[in-house]
Amino acid sequence: MPAETFTVALVQMSCGPDPAENLAKALDRVAEAAEKGAQVVCLPELFQTQYFCQREDAALFDLAETIPGPATEKLAAAAKKHKVVLIASLFEKRAPGVYHNTAAVFENDGSLRGIYRKMHIPDDPLYYEKYYFTPGDLGFKAFETSAGKLGTLVCWDQWYPEGARLTALQGASILFYPTAIGWHPAEKAEFGVAQHDAWRTIQRAHAIANGVYVAVVNRVGFETGNIRGNEAPGQGLEFWGQSFLCDPFGRILAEASSDQEETLLGEVDLRALEDVRRNWPFLRDRRIDAYGPITSRMID
């Protein structure tokens, strides 16, 4: 049986133009996290490259890999070597012309426990993800692991309470959100504080409403989407870091800086989760008989 407590590590890292170097850095961070006692390690969204979705370029589809593939072989080996459950966000090539933004979950014996394909795909200035990613078709998922049941969603999913709820209802004790989010330089002065506060608040609300832990793993640094020296023109994005872990009350247990690479560690206590849900029984009091219209686009 899983232990009543376990330690998670959130790897907040910067990403350079060389995918091989980014993967090597991530594997080093996994080793460091395991040495510090982590049983579950989560990497940020699309950590193998700079955030390439700042432009639409068909050549960038060549960055994608199959699952299983070369990257997952190395990630699986790291999970096994360091005896950790490992969550890694990957650019998945499913078939010619069909690509996904996919989180792979590896068990601590190196086996692939399962994958989650990002469901909500944004299309905003410098976040042109609809060009690259087919929306997920596996639904929201919780994975049974040696650390208990955990769920993973990806970045833009973090704004949707439906995804958090459906994952929690499958028994996940913690929701992981691998993320790549930052400020547009032209907007930071006017909107930066409000944007970050909204991002932090919505995810703390998922923890409270569902009685779960929430772990958010962002990258840091300024990027224009430089891939193997092919730098794109444009304003670029300043990724705001500030990865965090919060408990089912929404209390921040650990939080990283806005501009430094860090491996953040925190503890998940399943006994505390039980206590919170006994006193705030939101799942018990749901009116499932009254929620049918939630599947409508709008209620006119």
C-alpha atoms as a PDB file:
ATOM      1  CA  MET A   1       0.000   0.000   0.000  1.00  0.00           C
ATOM      2  CA  PRO A   2       1.161   3.580  -0.613  1.00  0.00           C
ATOM      3  CA  ALA A   3       2.548   5.426   2.394  1.00  0.00           C
ATOM      4  CA  GLU A   4       0.366   7.972   4.176  1.00  0.00           C
ATOM      5  CA  THR A   5       2.901  10.660   3.297  1.00  0.00           C
ATOM      6  CA  PHE A   6       5.208  11.153   0.350  1.00  0.00           C
ATOM      7  CA  THR A   7       7.544  13.861  -0.919  1.00  0.00           C
ATOM      8  CA  VAL A   8       7.113  15.544  -4.287  1.00  0.00           C
ATOM      9  CA  ALA A   9       9.725  17.513  -6.195  1.00  0.00           C
ATOM     10  CA  LEU A  10       8.868  20.210  -8.724  1.00  0.00           C
ATOM     11  CA  VAL A  11      11.689  20.934 -11.169  1.00  0.00           C
ATOM     12  CA  GLN A  12      11.620  24.606 -12.139  1.00  0.00           C
ATOM     13  CA  MET A  13      14.168  25.039 -14.921  1.00  0.00           C
ATOM     14  CA  SER A  14      15.175  27.263 -17.797  1.00  0.00           C
ATOM     15  CA  CYS A  15      15.304  25.780 -21.287  1.00  0.00           C
ATOM     16  CA  GLY A  16      17.974  26.444 -23.898  1.00  0.00           C
ATOM     17  CA  PRO A  17      18.061  25.980 -27.675  1.00  0.00           C
ATOM     18  CA  ASP A  18      19.469  22.412 -27.601  1.00  0.00           C
ATOM     19  CA  PRO A  19      16.884  19.689 -26.826  1.00  0.00           C
ATOM     20  CA  ALA A  20      19.555  17.159 -25.839  1.00  0.00           C
ATOM     21  CA  GLU A  21      21.046  19.565 -23.307  1.00  0.00           C
ATOM     22  CA  ASN A  22      17.611  20.315 -21.842  1.00  0.00           C
ATOM     23  CA  LEU A  23      16.880  16.610 -21.435  1.00  0.00           C
ATOM     24  CA  ALA A  24      20.261  16.037 -19.797  1.00  0.00           C
ATOM     25  CA  LYS A  25      19.631  18.916 -17.394  1.00  0.00           C
ATOM     26  CA  ALA A  26      16.205  17.534 -16.521  1.00  0.00           C
ATOM     27  CA  LEU A  27      17.660  14.081 -15.822  1.00  0.00           C
ATOM     28  CA  ASP A  28      20.269  15.654 -13.537  1.00  0.00           C
ATOM     29  CA  ARG A  29      17.486  17.443 -11.651  1.00  0.00           C
ATOM     30  CA  VAL A  30      15.593  14.178 -11.261  1.00  0.00           C
ATOM     31  CA  ALA A  31      18.687  12.597  -9.707  1.00  0.00           C
ATOM     32  CA  GLU A  32      19.119  15.558  -7.334  1.00  0.00           C
ATOM     33  CA  ALA A  33      15.469  15.412  -6.301  1.00  0.00           C
ATOM     34  CA  ALA A  34      15.718  11.704  -5.546  1.00  0.00           C
ATOM     35  CA  GLU A  35      18.833  12.296  -3.439  1.00  0.00           C
ATOM     36  CA  LYS A  36      16.821  14.787  -1.402  1.00  0.00           C
ATOM     37  CA  GLY A  37      14.130  12.209  -0.715  1.00  0.00           C
ATOM     38  CA  ALA A  38      11.524  12.816  -3.416  1.00  0.00           C
ATOM     39  CA  GLN A  39       9.238   9.920  -4.332  1.00  0.00           C
ATOM     40  CA  VAL A  40       7.420  11.820  -7.104  1.00  0.00           C
ATOM     41  CA  VAL A  41       9.143  14.244  -9.506  1.00  0.00           C
ATOM     42  CA  CYS A  42       7.435  16.507 -12.025  1.00  0.00           C
ATOM     43  CA  LEU A  43       9.119  18.374 -14.888  1.00  0.00           C
ATOM     44  CA  PRO A  44       7.709  21.529 -16.545  1.00  0.00           C
ATOM     45  CA  GLU A  45       5.704  21.583 -19.752  1.00  0.00           C
ATOM     46  CA  LEU A  46       7.631  20.771 -22.959  1.00  0.00           C
ATOM     47  CA  PHE A  47      10.914  20.992 -21.043  1.00  0.00           C
ATOM     48  CA  GLN A  48      13.024  19.556 -23.875  1.00  0.00           C
ATOM     49  CA  THR A  49      12.862  22.777 -25.889  1.00  0.00           C
ATOM     50  CA  GLN A  50      12.352  26.452 -25.597  1.00  0.00           C
ATOM     51  CA  TYR A  51       8.653  27.234 -25.885  1.00  0.00           C
ATOM     52  CA  PHE A  52       8.351  26.925 -29.656  1.00  0.00           C
ATOM     53  CA  CYS A  53       4.637  27.742 -29.947  1.00  0.00           C
ATOM     54  CA  GLN A  54       5.456  31.445 -30.148  1.00  0.00           C
ATOM     55  CA  ARG A  55       5.366  31.029 -33.943  1.00  0.00           C
ATOM     56  CA  GLU A  56       3.795  28.774 -36.544  1.00  0.00           C
ATOM     57  CA  ASP A  57       6.542  26.830 -38.324  1.00  0.00           C
ATOM     58  CA  ALA A  58       5.925  23.434 -39.924  1.00  0.00           C
ATOM     59  CA  ALA A  59       9.590  22.495 -39.502  1.00  0.00           C
ATOM     60  CA  LEU A  60       9.124  22.446 -35.740  1.00  0.00           C
ATOM     61  CA  PHE A  61       6.961  19.340 -35.968  1.00  0.00           C
ATOM     62  CA  ASP A  62      10.289  17.521 -36.334  1.00  0.00           C
ATOM     63  CA  LEU A  63      10.821  18.105 -32.599  1.00  0.00           C
ATOM     64  CA  ALA A  64       8.070  15.612 -31.744  1.00  0.00           C
ATOM     65  CA  GLU A  65       8.755  11.985 -30.766  1.00  0.00           C
ATOM     66  CA  THR A  66       6.665   8.888 -30.473  1.00  0.00           C
ATOM     67  CA  ILE A  67       5.756   7.422 -27.087  1.00  0.00           C
ATOM     68  CA  PRO A  68       7.573   5.123 -26.468  1.00  0.00           C
ATOM     69  CA  GLY A  69      10.584   6.751 -28.101  1.00  0.00           C
ATOM     70  CA  PRO A  70      14.166   7.921 -27.437  1.00  0.00           C
ATOM     71  CA  ALA A  71      13.212  10.477 -24.776  1.00  0.00           C
ATOM     72  CA  THR A  72      10.845   8.176 -22.905  1.00  0.00           C
ATOM     73  CA  GLU A  73      13.537   5.480 -22.824  1.00  0.00           C
ATOM     74  CA  LYS A  74      15.853   7.850 -20.959  1.00  0.00           C
ATOM     75  CA  LEU A  75      13.094   9.111 -18.676  1.00  0.00           C
ATOM     76  CA  ALA A  76      11.989   5.575 -17.854  1.00  0.00           C
ATOM     77  CA  ALA A  77      15.575   4.599 -17.062  1.00  0.00           C
ATOM     78  CA  ALA A  78      15.892   7.600 -14.731  1.00  0.00           C
ATOM     79  CA  ALA A  79      12.646   6.740 -12.936  1.00  0.00           C
ATOM     80  CA  LYS A  80      13.886   3.195 -12.402  1.00  0.00           C
ATOM     81  CA  LYS A  81      17.430   4.161 -11.387  1.00  0.00           C
ATOM     82  CA  HIS A  82      16.285   6.726  -8.840  1.00  0.00           C
ATOM     83  CA  LYS A  83      13.145   4.852  -7.777  1.00  0.00           C
ATOM     84  CA  VAL A  84      10.809   7.787  -8.348  1.00  0.00           C
ATOM     85  CA  VAL A  85       7.459   8.267 -10.010  1.00  0.00           C
ATOM     86  CA  LEU A  86       8.246  10.693 -12.825  1.00  0.00           C
ATOM     87  CA  ILE A  87       5.895  13.032 -14.715  1.00  0.00           C
ATOM     88  CA  ALA A  88       7.249  14.399 -17.988  1.00  0.00           C
ATOM     89  CA  SER A  89       5.527  16.672 -20.521  1.00  0.00           C
ATOM     90  CA  LEU A  90       6.384  15.722 -24.103  1.00  0.00           C
ATOM     91  CA  PHE A  91       5.661  16.742 -27.698  1.00  0.00           C
ATOM     92  CA  GLU A  92       4.112  13.477 -28.895  1.00  0.00           C
ATOM     93  CA  LYS A  93       4.077  12.329 -32.502  1.00  0.00           C
ATOM     94  CA  ARG A  94       1.078  10.022 -32.661  1.00  0.00           C
ATOM     95  CA  ALA A  95       0.824   9.698 -36.435  1.00  0.00           C
ATOM     96  CA  PRO A  96       1.758  11.776 -39.489  1.00  0.00           C
ATOM     97  CA  GLY A  97      -0.021  15.080 -39.013  1.00  0.00           C
ATOM     98  CA  VAL A  98      -1.353  14.179 -35.548  1.00  0.00           C
ATOM     99  CA  TYR A  99       0.614  15.560 -32.618  1.00  0.00           C
ATOM    100  CA  HIS A 100      -0.238  16.009 -28.942  1.00  0.00           C
ATOM    101  CA  ASN A 101       1.026  17.865 -25.895  1.00  0.00           C
ATOM    102  CA  THR A 102       1.294  14.822 -23.644  1.00  0.00           C
ATOM    103  CA  ALA A 103       2.216  14.135 -20.024  1.00  0.00           C
ATOM    104  CA  ALA A 104       3.774  10.712 -19.503  1.00  0.00           C
ATOM    105  CA  VAL A 105       3.714   9.103 -16.051  1.00  0.00           C
ATOM    106  CA  PHE A 106       6.472   6.616 -15.249  1.00  0.00           C
ATOM    107  CA  GLU A 107       6.362   4.258 -12.281  1.00  0.00           C
ATOM    108  CA  ASN A 108       9.392   3.916 -10.017  1.00  0.00           C
ATOM    109  CA  ASP A 109      10.304   0.662 -11.746  1.00  0.00           C
ATOM    110  CA  GLY A 110      10.618   2.451 -15.088  1.00  0.00           C
ATOM    111  CA  SER A 111       7.332   1.236 -16.550  1.00  0.00           C
ATOM    112  CA  LEU A 112       5.046   3.666 -18.342  1.00  0.00           C
ATOM    113  CA  ARG A 113       1.996   3.942 -16.105  1.00  0.00           C
ATOM    114  CA  GLY A 114       0.061   5.926 -18.676  1.00  0.00           C
ATOM    115  CA  ILE A 115      -0.266   9.163 -20.638  1.00  0.00           C
ATOM    116  CA  TYR A 116      -2.513  12.198 -20.491  1.00  0.00           C
ATOM    117  CA  ARG A 117      -3.020  14.283 -23.605  1.00  0.00           C
ATOM    118  CA  LYS A 118      -3.656  17.972 -22.988  1.00  0.00           C
ATOM    119  CA  MET A 119      -7.368  18.616 -23.425  1.00  0.00           C
ATOM    120  CA  HIS A 120      -7.593  22.418 -23.587  1.00  0.00           C
ATOM    121  CA  ILE A 121      -5.450  23.919 -26.348  1.00  0.00           C
ATOM    122  CA  PRO A 122      -4.913  27.701 -26.364  1.00  0.00           C
ATOM    123  CA  ASP A 123      -4.560  29.974 -29.363  1.00  0.00           C
ATOM    124  CA  ASP A 124      -3.373  33.356 -28.157  1.00  0.00           C
ATOM    125  CA  PRO A 125      -0.611  35.755 -29.194  1.00  0.00           C
ATOM    126  CA  LEU A 126       2.715  33.881 -28.729  1.00  0.00           C
ATOM    127  CA  TYR A 127       0.787  30.765 -27.592  1.00  0.00           C
ATOM    128  CA  TYR A 128      -0.154  29.316 -30.982  1.00  0.00           C
ATOM    129  CA  GLU A 129      -0.709  25.807 -29.701  1.00  0.00           C
ATOM    130  CA  LYS A 130      -3.677  24.957 -31.905  1.00  0.00           C
ATOM    131  CA  TYR A 131      -1.280  24.925 -34.846  1.00  0.00           C
ATOM    132  CA  TYR A 132       0.783  22.141 -33.254  1.00  0.00           C
ATOM    133  CA  PHE A 133      -1.415  20.107 -30.946  1.00  0.00           C
ATOM    134  CA  THR A 134      -4.485  17.978 -31.541  1.00  0.00           C
ATOM    135  CA  PRO A 135      -6.798  18.174 -28.482  1.00  0.00           C
ATOM    136  CA  GLY A 136      -6.530  15.197 -26.163  1.00  0.00           C
ATOM    137  CA  ASP A 137      -8.903  12.292 -26.673  1.00  0.00           C
ATOM    138  CA  LEU A 138      -8.172  10.216 -23.568  1.00  0.00           C
ATOM    139  CA  GLY A 139     -10.234  12.313 -21.176  1.00  0.00           C
ATOM    140  CA  PHE A 140      -9.137  13.343 -17.716  1.00  0.00           C
ATOM    141  CA  LYS A 141      -7.206  10.630 -15.923  1.00  0.00           C
ATOM    142  CA  ALA A 142      -5.900   9.610 -12.517  1.00  0.00           C
ATOM    143  CA  PHE A 143      -3.042   7.113 -12.380  1.00  0.00           C
ATOM    144  CA  GLU A 144      -2.467   4.473  -9.731  1.00  0.00           C
ATOM    145  CA  THR A 145       1.193   4.641  -8.686  1.00  0.00           C
ATOM    146  CA  SER A 146       3.418   3.507  -5.849  1.00  0.00           C
ATOM    147  CA  ALA A 147       2.730   6.904  -4.244  1.00  0.00           C
ATOM    148  CA  GLY A 148      -1.029   6.487  -4.586  1.00  0.00           C
ATOM    149  CA  LYS A 149      -3.390   7.948  -7.138  1.00  0.00           C
ATOM    150  CA  LEU A 150      -2.273  11.133  -8.835  1.00  0.00           C
ATOM    151  CA  GLY A 151      -3.590  13.181 -11.699  1.00  0.00           C
ATOM    152  CA  THR A 152      -1.821  15.332 -14.230  1.00  0.00           C
ATOM    153  CA  LEU A 153      -3.206  18.040 -16.444  1.00  0.00           C
ATOM    154  CA  VAL A 154      -1.179  20.485 -18.552  1.00  0.00           C
ATOM    155  CA  CYS A 155      -0.904  24.293 -18.445  1.00  0.00           C
ATOM    156  CA  TRP A 156      -4.033  25.762 -20.122  1.00  0.00           C
ATOM    157  CA  ASP A 157      -6.019  22.974 -18.426  1.00  0.00           C
ATOM    158  CA  GLN A 158      -5.286  24.761 -15.149  1.00  0.00           C
ATOM    159  CA  TRP A 159      -7.951  27.391 -15.827  1.00  0.00           C
ATOM    160  CA  TYR A 160     -10.791  24.858 -16.082  1.00  0.00           C
ATOM    161  CA  PRO A 161     -12.503  23.621 -12.898  1.00  0.00           C
ATOM    162  CA  GLU A 162     -14.137  20.794 -14.858  1.00  0.00           C
ATOM    163  CA  GLY A 163     -10.788  19.120 -15.554  1.00  0.00           C
ATOM    164  CA  ALA A 164      -9.674  19.355 -11.942  1.00  0.00           C
ATOM    165  CA  ARG A 165     -13.023  18.016 -10.708  1.00  0.00           C
ATOM    166  CA  LEU A 166     -13.165  15.048 -13.071  1.00  0.00           C
ATOM    167  CA  THR A 167      -9.602  14.074 -12.189  1.00  0.00           C
ATOM    168  CA  ALA A 168     -10.229  14.386  -8.457  1.00  0.00           C
ATOM    169  CA  LEU A 169     -13.410  12.316  -8.739  1.00  0.00           C
ATOM    170  CA  GLN A 170     -11.263   9.442  -9.985  1.00  0.00           C
ATOM    171  CA  GLY A 171      -9.450   9.399  -6.659  1.00  0.00           C
ATOM    172  CA  ALA A 172      -6.389  11.551  -7.281  1.00  0.00           C
ATOM    173  CA  SER A 173      -4.914  12.919  -4.066  1.00  0.00           C
ATOM    174  CA  ILE A 174      -2.761  15.458  -5.908  1.00  0.00           C
ATOM    175  CA  LEU A 175      -3.075  17.247  -9.239  1.00  0.00           C
ATOM    176  CA  PHE A 176       0.113  18.098 -11.132  1.00  0.00           C
ATOM    177  CA  TYR A 177       0.147  20.915 -13.681  1.00  0.00           C
ATOM    178  CA  PRO A 178       3.298  20.989 -15.856  1.00  0.00           C
ATOM    179  CA  THR A 179       3.271  24.549 -17.163  1.00  0.00           C
ATOM    180  CA  ALA A 180       4.881  27.083 -19.504  1.00  0.00           C
ATOM    181  CA  ILE A 181       3.376  30.457 -18.684  1.00  0.00           C
ATOM    182  CA  GLY A 182       4.822  33.923 -18.655  1.00  0.00           C
ATOM    183  CA  TRP A 183       4.415  37.601 -19.357  1.00  0.00           C
ATOM    184  CA  HIS A 184       4.327  39.382 -22.692  1.00  0.00           C
ATOM    185  CA  PRO A 185       6.948  42.122 -22.181  1.00  0.00           C
ATOM    186  CA  ALA A 186       4.564  44.804 -23.456  1.00  0.00           C
ATOM    187  CA  GLU A 187       1.872  43.754 -20.973  1.00  0.00           C
ATOM    188  CA  LYS A 188       3.859  43.030 -17.820  1.00  0.00           C
ATOM    189  CA  ALA A 189       3.832  46.526 -16.323  1.00  0.00           C
ATOM    190  CA  GLU A 190       0.073  46.963 -16.672  1.00  0.00           C
ATOM    191  CA  PHE A 191      -1.274  43.436 -16.257  1.00  0.00           C
ATOM    192  CA  GLY A 192       1.563  41.319 -14.849  1.00  0.00           C
ATOM    193  CA  VAL A 193       0.586  41.327 -11.192  1.00  0.00           C
ATOM    194  CA  ALA A 194      -3.073  40.611 -11.937  1.00  0.00           C
ATOM    195  CA  GLN A 195      -2.241  37.833 -14.406  1.00  0.00           C
ATOM    196  CA  HIS A 196       0.002  36.019 -11.966  1.00  0.00           C
ATOM    197  CA  ASP A 197      -2.442  36.444  -9.099  1.00  0.00           C
ATOM    198  CA  ALA A 198      -5.300  35.018 -11.188  1.00  0.00           C
ATOM    199  CA  TRP A 199      -3.145  32.020 -12.189  1.00  0.00           C
ATOM    200  CA  ARG A 200      -2.176  31.300  -8.593  1.00  0.00           C
ATOM    201  CA  THR A 201      -5.703  31.826  -7.286  1.00  0.00           C
ATOM    202  CA  ILE A 202      -7.508  29.545  -9.748  1.00  0.00           C
ATOM    203  CA  GLN A 203      -5.219  26.645  -8.945  1.00  0.00           C
ATOM    204  CA  ARG A 204      -5.454  27.124  -5.201  1.00  0.00           C
ATOM    205  CA  ALA A 205      -9.227  27.085  -5.735  1.00  0.00           C
ATOM    206  CA  HIS A 206      -8.957  23.659  -7.431  1.00  0.00           C
ATOM    207  CA  ALA A 207      -7.235  22.361  -4.307  1.00  0.00           C
ATOM    208  CA  ILE A 208      -9.929  23.760  -2.017  1.00  0.00           C
ATOM    209  CA  ALA A 209     -12.964  22.779  -4.093  1.00  0.00           C
ATOM    210  CA  ASN A 210     -11.763  19.200  -4.568  1.00  0.00           C
ATOM    211  CA  GLY A 211      -9.963  18.544  -1.294  1.00  0.00           C
ATOM    212  CA  VAL A 212      -6.666  17.704  -3.021  1.00  0.00           C
ATOM    213  CA  TYR A 213      -3.076  18.885  -3.159  1.00  0.00           C
ATOM    214  CA  VAL A 214      -2.090  20.878  -6.239  1.00  0.00           C
ATOM    215  CA  ALA A 215       1.445  21.043  -7.639  1.00  0.00           C
ATOM    216  CA  VAL A 216       2.304  23.552 -10.375  1.00  0.00           C
ATOM    217  CA  VAL A 217       5.628  23.338 -12.236  1.00  0.00           C
ATOM    218  CA  ASN A 218       6.630  26.298 -14.417  1.00  0.00           C
ATOM    219  CA  ARG A 219       9.796  27.214 -16.297  1.00  0.00           C
ATOM    220  CA  VAL A 220      11.879  30.392 -15.912  1.00  0.00           C
ATOM    221  CA  GLY A 221      13.804  32.668 -18.230  1.00  0.00           C
ATOM    222  CA  PHE A 222      13.220  34.849 -21.277  1.00  0.00           C
ATOM    223  CA  GLU A 223      12.648  32.954 -24.539  1.00  0.00           C
ATOM    224  CA  THR A 224      11.920  33.774 -28.146  1.00  0.00           C
ATOM    225  CA  GLY A 225      11.624  30.126 -29.183  1.00  0.00           C
ATOM    226  CA  ASN A 226      15.275  29.582 -30.089  1.00  0.00           C
ATOM    227  CA  ILE A 227      15.555  25.986 -31.358  1.00  0.00           C
ATOM    228  CA  ARG A 228      19.023  24.704 -32.317  1.00  0.00           C
ATOM    229  CA  GLY A 229      20.116  28.257 -33.011  1.00  0.00           C
ATOM    230  CA  ASN A 230      17.092  29.073 -35.176  1.00  0.00           C
ATOM    231  CA  GLU A 231      15.859  32.039 -33.172  1.00  0.00           C
ATOM    232  CA  ALA A 232      12.506  33.509 -34.061  1.00  0.00           C
ATOM    233  CA  PRO A 233      11.998  37.254 -34.241  1.00  0.00           C
ATOM    234  CA  GLY A 234       9.480  38.821 -31.905  1.00  0.00           C
ATOM    235  CA  GLN A 235       8.892  40.090 -28.418  1.00  0.00           C
ATOM    236  CA  GLY A 236       9.427  36.769 -26.689  1.00  0.00           C
ATOM    237  CA  LEU A 237       8.034  35.666 -23.339  1.00  0.00           C
ATOM    238  CA  GLU A 238       9.333  36.088 -19.802  1.00  0.00           C
ATOM    239  CA  PHE A 239       8.348  32.886 -17.990  1.00  0.00           C
ATOM    240  CA  TRP A 240       7.416  33.761 -14.440  1.00  0.00           C
ATOM    241  CA  GLY A 241       8.440  30.609 -12.568  1.00  0.00           C
ATOM    242  CA  GLN A 242       6.878  30.679  -9.094  1.00  0.00           C
ATOM    243  CA  SER A 243       6.129  26.972  -9.134  1.00  0.00           C
ATOM    244  CA  PHE A 244       4.241  25.966  -6.008  1.00  0.00           C
ATOM    245  CA  LEU A 245       2.655  23.215  -3.959  1.00  0.00           C
ATOM    246  CA  CYS A 246      -0.518  23.871  -1.990  1.00  0.00           C
ATOM    247  CA  ASP A 247      -2.588  21.736   0.360  1.00  0.00           C
ATOM    248  CA  PRO A 248      -6.365  21.044   0.305  1.00  0.00           C
ATOM    249  CA  PHE A 249      -6.963  24.325   2.172  1.00  0.00           C
ATOM    250  CA  GLY A 250      -5.162  26.143  -0.623  1.00  0.00           C
ATOM    251  CA  ARG A 251      -2.292  27.008   1.703  1.00  0.00           C
ATOM    252  CA  ILE A 252       1.042  27.411  -0.077  1.00  0.00           C
ATOM    253  CA  LEU A 253       3.447  24.836   1.339  1.00  0.00           C
ATOM    254  CA  ALA A 254       6.383  25.643  -0.933  1.00  0.00           C
ATOM    255  CA  GLU A 255       6.926  28.245  -3.652  1.00  0.00           C
ATOM    256  CA  ALA A 256       9.818  29.027  -5.976  1.00  0.00           C
ATOM    257  CA  SER A 257      11.164  32.371  -7.134  1.00  0.00           C
ATOM    258  CA  SER A 258      10.210  34.135 -10.358  1.00  0.00           C
ATOM    259  CA  ASP A 259      13.636  33.996 -11.991  1.00  0.00           C
ATOM    260  CA  GLN A 260      15.773  31.156 -10.617  1.00  0.00           C
ATOM    261  CA  GLU A 261      16.107  27.481 -11.394  1.00  0.00           C
ATOM    262  CA  GLU A 262      15.015  25.531  -8.329  1.00  0.00           C
ATOM    263  CA  THR A 263      13.932  22.063  -7.314  1.00  0.00           C
ATOM    264  CA  LEU A 264      11.052  22.609  -4.930  1.00  0.00           C
ATOM    265  CA  LEU A 265      10.222  19.885  -2.408  1.00  0.00           C
ATOM    266  CA  GLY A 266       7.064  19.432  -0.378  1.00  0.00           C
ATOM    267  CA  GLU A 267       5.162  16.748   1.485  1.00  0.00           C
ATOM    268  CA  VAL A 268       1.755  15.313   0.691  1.00  0.00           C
ATOM    269  CA  ASP A 269      -0.027  13.999   3.774  1.00  0.00           C
ATOM    270  CA  LEU A 270      -3.010  11.823   2.939  1.00  0.00           C
ATOM    271  CA  ARG A 271      -4.170  11.967   6.570  1.00  0.00           C
ATOM    272  CA  ALA A 272      -4.549  15.737   6.259  1.00  0.00           C
ATOM    273  CA  LEU A 273      -6.536  15.247   3.075  1.00  0.00           C
ATOM    274  CA  GLU A 274      -8.924  12.952   4.902  1.00  0.00           C
ATOM    275  CA  ASP A 275      -9.333  15.450   7.743  1.00  0.00           C
ATOM    276  CA  VAL A 276     -10.040  18.350   5.384  1.00  0.00           C
ATOM    277  CA  ARG A 277     -12.666  16.405   3.471  1.00  0.00           C
ATOM    278  CA  ARG A 278     -14.428  15.390   6.659  1.00  0.00           C
ATOM    279  CA  ASN A 279     -14.782  19.026   7.663  1.00  0.00           C
ATOM    280  CA  TRP A 280     -15.314  20.509   4.211  1.00  0.00           C
ATOM    281  CA  PRO A 281     -17.351  17.756   2.501  1.00  0.00           C
ATOM    282  CA  PHE A 282     -17.712  19.468  -0.854  1.00  0.00           C
ATOM    283  CA  LEU A 283     -17.688  16.171  -2.729  1.00  0.00           C
ATOM    284  CA  ARG A 284     -20.402  14.756  -0.478  1.00  0.00           C
ATOM    285  CA  ASP A 285     -22.716  17.717  -0.958  1.00  0.00           C
ATOM    286  CA  ARG A 286     -22.493  17.989  -4.723  1.00  0.00           C
ATOM    287  CA  ARG A 287     -25.913  18.084  -6.431  1.00  0.00           C
ATOM    288  CA  ILE A 288     -25.085  15.728  -9.259  1.00  0.00           C
ATOM    289  CA  ASP A 289     -28.783  15.634 -10.201  1.00  0.00           C
ATOM    290  CA  ALA A 290     -28.675  19.345 -11.083  1.00  0.00           C
ATOM    291  CA  TYR A 291     -25.510  19.699 -13.149  1.00  0.00           C
ATOM    292  CA  GLY A 292     -26.665  18.434 -16.543  1.00  0.00           C
ATOM    293  CA  PRO A 293     -26.562  21.871 -18.220  1.00  0.00           C
ATOM    294  CA  ILE A 294     -22.808  22.131 -17.551  1.00  0.00           C
ATOM    295  CA  THR A 295     -22.279  20.265 -20.820  1.00  0.00           C
ATOM    296  CA  SER A 296     -23.926  23.080 -22.778  1.00  0.00           C
ATOM    297  CA  ARG A 297     -21.762  25.718 -24.438  1.00  0.00           C
ATOM    298  CA  MET A 298     -24.078  28.416 -23.093  1.00  0.00           C
ATOM    299  CA  ILE A 299     -27.432  28.311 -21.304  1.00  0.00           C
ATOM    300  CA  ASP A 300     -29.744  30.673 -23.174  1.00  0.00           C
END
